Amino acid sequence: MYLVHIHLVPHPRGDLLPDCTRAAITAAAADIAEVVHIALHPDAKPGPVIGVYLAFDSLRAAEAAALDIWDAARCRHAYLRNWELVRAEVPIMPIMPGYDG
């Protein structure tokens, strides 16, 4: 399982991602069985983040699928075309001191 963050540039007018964005991303991901959950963080800094949880065996496949989902959602929903992609990647988390897991 991978959590891919789709990072977006802040909107030029300072707008937040609309609430319907989660539904648009979910609909764009409908044909991808590996999608487990979509999370929306419209007020993240420096720009909005869409979290896509994917049950793929490889990091590369998960990140590629997240990019495909974003591209499909932008093609289907004109209001998303004003949002520019920065990157789509799995965040690397540092190991906590004392963690033995």
N, C-alpha and C. Protein backbone atom coordinates (compact mmCIF):
# COMPACT_ATOMS: atom_id res chain seq x y z
N MET A 1 0.85 -1.18 0.00
CA MET A 1 0.00 0.00 0.00
C MET A 1 0.89 1.23 0.00
N TYR A 2 0.53 2.18 -0.84
CA TYR A 2 1.27 3.43 -0.94
C TYR A 2 0.32 4.61 -0.81
N LEU A 3 0.79 5.65 -0.16
CA LEU A 3 0.09 6.93 -0.12
C LEU A 3 0.87 7.86 -1.05
N VAL A 4 0.24 8.26 -2.14
CA VAL A 4 0.87 9.19 -3.07
C VAL A 4 0.25 10.56 -2.85
N HIS A 5 1.11 11.55 -2.66
CA HIS A 5 0.66 12.93 -2.53
C HIS A 5 0.76 13.61 -3.88
N ILE A 6 -0.36 14.18 -4.32
CA ILE A 6 -0.39 15.00 -5.52
C ILE A 6 -0.31 16.45 -5.03
N HIS A 7 0.82 17.09 -5.25
CA HIS A 7 1.05 18.47 -4.80
C HIS A 7 0.70 19.43 -5.94
N LEU A 8 -0.04 20.47 -5.59
CA LEU A 8 -0.46 21.46 -6.57
C LEU A 8 0.08 22.84 -6.20
N VAL A 9 0.28 23.66 -7.23
CA VAL A 9 0.66 25.05 -7.02
C VAL A 9 -0.56 25.77 -6.45
N PRO A 10 -0.35 26.70 -5.51
CA PRO A 10 -1.49 27.48 -5.03
C PRO A 10 -2.20 28.17 -6.20
N HIS A 11 -3.50 28.28 -6.11
CA HIS A 11 -4.29 28.90 -7.17
C HIS A 11 -3.86 30.36 -7.34
N PRO A 12 -3.78 30.85 -8.57
CA PRO A 12 -3.32 32.23 -8.81
C PRO A 12 -4.16 33.29 -8.09
N ARG A 13 -5.45 33.02 -7.86
CA ARG A 13 -6.32 33.97 -7.16
C ARG A 13 -6.42 33.68 -5.68
N GLY A 14 -5.69 32.64 -5.20
CA GLY A 14 -5.77 32.28 -3.79
C GLY A 14 -6.94 31.39 -3.44
N ASP A 15 -7.64 30.89 -4.45
CA ASP A 15 -8.80 30.01 -4.21
C ASP A 15 -8.35 28.70 -3.58
N LEU A 16 -9.24 28.10 -2.80
CA LEU A 16 -9.04 26.75 -2.29
C LEU A 16 -9.63 25.76 -3.29
N LEU A 17 -9.11 24.55 -3.28
CA LEU A 17 -9.73 23.50 -4.10
C LEU A 17 -11.19 23.35 -3.66
N PRO A 18 -12.12 23.30 -4.58
CA PRO A 18 -13.52 23.13 -4.21
C PRO A 18 -13.76 21.78 -3.54
N ASP A 19 -14.79 21.71 -2.70
CA ASP A 19 -15.15 20.47 -2.01
C ASP A 19 -15.43 19.33 -2.98
N CYS A 20 -15.92 19.65 -4.16
CA CYS A 20 -16.26 18.62 -5.14
C CYS A 20 -15.03 17.97 -5.78
N THR A 21 -13.84 18.46 -5.46
CA THR A 21 -12.62 17.90 -6.04
C THR A 21 -12.44 16.44 -5.63
N ARG A 22 -12.74 16.11 -4.40
CA ARG A 22 -12.58 14.71 -3.95
C ARG A 22 -13.46 13.79 -4.79
N ALA A 23 -14.68 14.21 -5.06
CA ALA A 23 -15.57 13.39 -5.89
C ALA A 23 -15.05 13.29 -7.32
N ALA A 24 -14.46 14.37 -7.84
CA ALA A 24 -13.91 14.34 -9.19
C ALA A 24 -12.72 13.38 -9.27
N ILE A 25 -11.86 13.40 -8.26
CA ILE A 25 -10.70 12.49 -8.24
C ILE A 25 -11.18 11.05 -8.07
N THR A 26 -12.15 10.84 -7.21
CA THR A 26 -12.70 9.50 -7.00
C THR A 26 -13.30 8.95 -8.29
N ALA A 27 -14.04 9.79 -9.01
CA ALA A 27 -14.64 9.35 -10.28
C ALA A 27 -13.56 9.04 -11.31
N ALA A 28 -12.51 9.85 -11.35
CA ALA A 28 -11.42 9.60 -12.31
C ALA A 28 -10.68 8.31 -11.99
N ALA A 29 -10.75 7.89 -10.72
CA ALA A 29 -10.06 6.67 -10.28
C ALA A 29 -10.95 5.44 -10.29
N ALA A 30 -12.17 5.58 -10.75
CA ALA A 30 -13.15 4.50 -10.66
C ALA A 30 -12.71 3.20 -11.32
N ASP A 31 -11.94 3.29 -12.39
CA ASP A 31 -11.52 2.08 -13.11
C ASP A 31 -10.23 1.47 -12.57
N ILE A 32 -9.68 2.05 -11.53
CA ILE A 32 -8.43 1.54 -10.96
C ILE A 32 -8.75 0.84 -9.66
N ALA A 33 -8.80 -0.49 -9.70
CA ALA A 33 -9.22 -1.29 -8.54
C ALA A 33 -8.30 -1.10 -7.34
N GLU A 34 -7.06 -0.71 -7.58
CA GLU A 34 -6.09 -0.58 -6.49
C GLU A 34 -6.29 0.67 -5.64
N VAL A 35 -7.15 1.59 -6.07
CA VAL A 35 -7.39 2.80 -5.28
C VAL A 35 -8.23 2.43 -4.06
N VAL A 36 -7.70 2.79 -2.90
CA VAL A 36 -8.36 2.45 -1.64
C VAL A 36 -9.07 3.65 -1.04
N HIS A 37 -8.45 4.82 -1.13
CA HIS A 37 -9.02 6.00 -0.47
C HIS A 37 -8.42 7.26 -1.10
N ILE A 38 -9.22 8.33 -1.11
CA ILE A 38 -8.78 9.63 -1.57
C ILE A 38 -8.96 10.62 -0.43
N ALA A 39 -7.93 11.40 -0.14
CA ALA A 39 -8.01 12.44 0.89
C ALA A 39 -7.67 13.78 0.25
N LEU A 40 -8.35 14.82 0.67
CA LEU A 40 -8.14 16.15 0.11
C LEU A 40 -7.68 17.08 1.22
N HIS A 41 -6.60 17.81 0.96
CA HIS A 41 -6.07 18.80 1.91
C HIS A 41 -5.99 20.14 1.17
N PRO A 42 -7.14 20.82 1.03
CA PRO A 42 -7.20 22.02 0.20
C PRO A 42 -6.42 23.21 0.75
N ASP A 43 -6.18 23.23 2.06
CA ASP A 43 -5.50 24.38 2.66
C ASP A 43 -4.07 24.07 3.10
N ALA A 44 -3.49 22.98 2.59
CA ALA A 44 -2.10 22.64 2.91
C ALA A 44 -1.18 23.74 2.38
N LYS A 45 -0.07 23.90 3.03
CA LYS A 45 0.91 24.91 2.62
C LYS A 45 2.16 24.21 2.09
N PRO A 46 2.77 24.64 1.03
CA PRO A 46 2.48 25.89 0.33
C PRO A 46 1.31 25.81 -0.63
N GLY A 47 0.87 24.60 -1.01
CA GLY A 47 -0.26 24.46 -1.91
C GLY A 47 -1.07 23.24 -1.56
N PRO A 48 -2.24 23.10 -2.16
CA PRO A 48 -3.12 21.97 -1.84
C PRO A 48 -2.47 20.63 -2.17
N VAL A 49 -2.91 19.61 -1.42
CA VAL A 49 -2.41 18.25 -1.61
C VAL A 49 -3.60 17.30 -1.67
N ILE A 50 -3.52 16.39 -2.63
CA ILE A 50 -4.50 15.31 -2.74
C ILE A 50 -3.76 14.03 -2.40
N GLY A 51 -4.26 13.30 -1.41
CA GLY A 51 -3.66 12.03 -1.02
C GLY A 51 -4.42 10.88 -1.66
N VAL A 52 -3.69 10.00 -2.32
CA VAL A 52 -4.30 8.84 -2.96
C VAL A 52 -3.64 7.59 -2.38
N TYR A 53 -4.45 6.77 -1.71
CA TYR A 53 -3.96 5.50 -1.16
C TYR A 53 -4.19 4.42 -2.21
N LEU A 54 -3.11 3.74 -2.60
CA LEU A 54 -3.16 2.75 -3.67
C LEU A 54 -2.54 1.44 -3.21
N ALA A 55 -3.20 0.34 -3.51
CA ALA A 55 -2.72 -1.00 -3.14
C ALA A 55 -1.96 -1.61 -4.30
N PHE A 56 -0.84 -1.00 -4.65
CA PHE A 56 0.03 -1.53 -5.70
C PHE A 56 1.24 -2.21 -5.05
N ASP A 57 1.87 -3.10 -5.81
CA ASP A 57 3.08 -3.76 -5.32
C ASP A 57 4.33 -2.93 -5.53
N SER A 58 4.25 -1.91 -6.38
CA SER A 58 5.45 -1.12 -6.64
C SER A 58 5.18 0.37 -6.48
N LEU A 59 6.17 1.06 -5.99
CA LEU A 59 6.13 2.50 -5.83
C LEU A 59 5.91 3.18 -7.17
N ARG A 60 6.64 2.75 -8.18
CA ARG A 60 6.55 3.34 -9.51
C ARG A 60 5.12 3.24 -10.06
N ALA A 61 4.48 2.08 -9.89
CA ALA A 61 3.11 1.88 -10.39
C ALA A 61 2.13 2.79 -9.64
N ALA A 62 2.31 2.93 -8.33
CA ALA A 62 1.43 3.77 -7.53
C ALA A 62 1.55 5.24 -7.95
N GLU A 63 2.77 5.72 -8.11
CA GLU A 63 2.96 7.11 -8.51
C GLU A 63 2.43 7.36 -9.92
N ALA A 64 2.65 6.42 -10.83
CA ALA A 64 2.15 6.56 -12.20
C ALA A 64 0.62 6.59 -12.22
N ALA A 65 -0.01 5.74 -11.42
CA ALA A 65 -1.47 5.71 -11.37
C ALA A 65 -2.02 7.02 -10.81
N ALA A 66 -1.38 7.56 -9.80
CA ALA A 66 -1.83 8.84 -9.23
C ALA A 66 -1.75 9.95 -10.28
N LEU A 67 -0.68 9.97 -11.05
CA LEU A 67 -0.57 10.96 -12.13
C LEU A 67 -1.67 10.77 -13.17
N ASP A 68 -1.96 9.53 -13.52
CA ASP A 68 -3.03 9.25 -14.48
C ASP A 68 -4.38 9.71 -13.95
N ILE A 69 -4.61 9.50 -12.66
CA ILE A 69 -5.87 9.92 -12.04
C ILE A 69 -6.00 11.44 -12.10
N TRP A 70 -4.93 12.14 -11.74
CA TRP A 70 -4.95 13.61 -11.79
C TRP A 70 -5.21 14.10 -13.22
N ASP A 71 -4.51 13.53 -14.18
CA ASP A 71 -4.69 13.93 -15.58
C ASP A 71 -6.13 13.69 -16.04
N ALA A 72 -6.69 12.54 -15.68
CA ALA A 72 -8.07 12.22 -16.07
C ALA A 72 -9.06 13.19 -15.44
N ALA A 73 -8.86 13.50 -14.17
CA ALA A 73 -9.77 14.43 -13.48
C ALA A 73 -9.70 15.81 -14.11
N ARG A 74 -8.50 16.28 -14.46
CA ARG A 74 -8.34 17.59 -15.09
C ARG A 74 -9.01 17.62 -16.47
N CYS A 75 -8.93 16.52 -17.20
CA CYS A 75 -9.57 16.46 -18.52
C CYS A 75 -11.09 16.50 -18.41
N ARG A 76 -11.63 15.89 -17.38
CA ARG A 76 -13.09 15.78 -17.23
C ARG A 76 -13.72 17.00 -16.55
N HIS A 77 -12.95 17.76 -15.80
CA HIS A 77 -13.52 18.85 -14.99
C HIS A 77 -12.74 20.14 -15.25
N ALA A 78 -13.38 21.04 -15.97
CA ALA A 78 -12.71 22.28 -16.39
C ALA A 78 -12.17 23.08 -15.22
N TYR A 79 -12.85 23.09 -14.08
CA TYR A 79 -12.38 23.89 -12.95
C TYR A 79 -11.03 23.41 -12.42
N LEU A 80 -10.65 22.17 -12.68
CA LEU A 80 -9.35 21.67 -12.23
C LEU A 80 -8.21 22.09 -13.16
N ARG A 81 -8.53 22.58 -14.32
CA ARG A 81 -7.48 22.97 -15.27
C ARG A 81 -6.72 24.21 -14.82
N ASN A 82 -7.27 24.94 -13.86
CA ASN A 82 -6.58 26.11 -13.30
C ASN A 82 -5.56 25.73 -12.23
N TRP A 83 -5.46 24.46 -11.93
CA TRP A 83 -4.54 23.99 -10.89
C TRP A 83 -3.36 23.30 -11.54
N GLU A 84 -2.16 23.77 -11.23
CA GLU A 84 -0.94 23.23 -11.83
C GLU A 84 -0.29 22.20 -10.91
N LEU A 85 0.09 21.09 -11.49
CA LEU A 85 0.76 20.02 -10.76
C LEU A 85 2.21 20.41 -10.45
N VAL A 86 2.61 20.18 -9.21
CA VAL A 86 4.01 20.34 -8.83
C VAL A 86 4.71 18.99 -8.95
N ARG A 87 4.12 17.98 -8.29
CA ARG A 87 4.67 16.63 -8.33
C ARG A 87 3.65 15.67 -7.73
N ALA A 88 3.84 14.39 -8.03
CA ALA A 88 3.05 13.32 -7.42
C ALA A 88 4.05 12.27 -6.96
N GLU A 89 4.13 12.10 -5.65
CA GLU A 89 5.13 11.18 -5.12
C GLU A 89 4.74 10.66 -3.75
N VAL A 90 5.32 9.53 -3.40
CA VAL A 90 5.16 8.98 -2.06
C VAL A 90 6.07 9.78 -1.14
N PRO A 91 5.53 10.34 -0.05
CA PRO A 91 6.40 11.09 0.86
C PRO A 91 7.34 10.14 1.60
N ILE A 92 8.57 10.54 1.73
CA ILE A 92 9.55 9.76 2.46
C ILE A 92 9.51 10.23 3.91
N MET A 93 9.26 9.31 4.80
CA MET A 93 9.15 9.63 6.22
C MET A 93 10.43 9.19 6.94
N PRO A 94 11.01 10.07 7.74
CA PRO A 94 12.19 9.67 8.50
C PRO A 94 11.80 8.66 9.59
N ILE A 95 12.73 7.77 9.91
CA ILE A 95 12.50 6.82 11.00
C ILE A 95 12.64 7.55 12.31
N MET A 96 11.71 7.32 13.20
CA MET A 96 11.71 7.97 14.50
C MET A 96 12.81 7.35 15.39
N PRO A 97 13.52 8.18 16.15
CA PRO A 97 14.51 7.62 17.07
C PRO A 97 13.84 6.66 18.05
N GLY A 98 14.46 5.53 18.26
CA GLY A 98 13.92 4.54 19.18
C GLY A 98 12.97 3.55 18.55
N TYR A 99 12.62 3.76 17.26
CA TYR A 99 11.70 2.85 16.56
C TYR A 99 12.43 1.55 16.26
N ASP A 100 11.82 0.43 16.61
CA ASP A 100 12.47 -0.86 16.35
C ASP A 100 11.63 -1.76 15.46
N GLY A 101 10.58 -1.18 14.85
CA GLY A 101 9.60 -1.92 14.12
C GLY A 101 9.99 -2.54 12.88
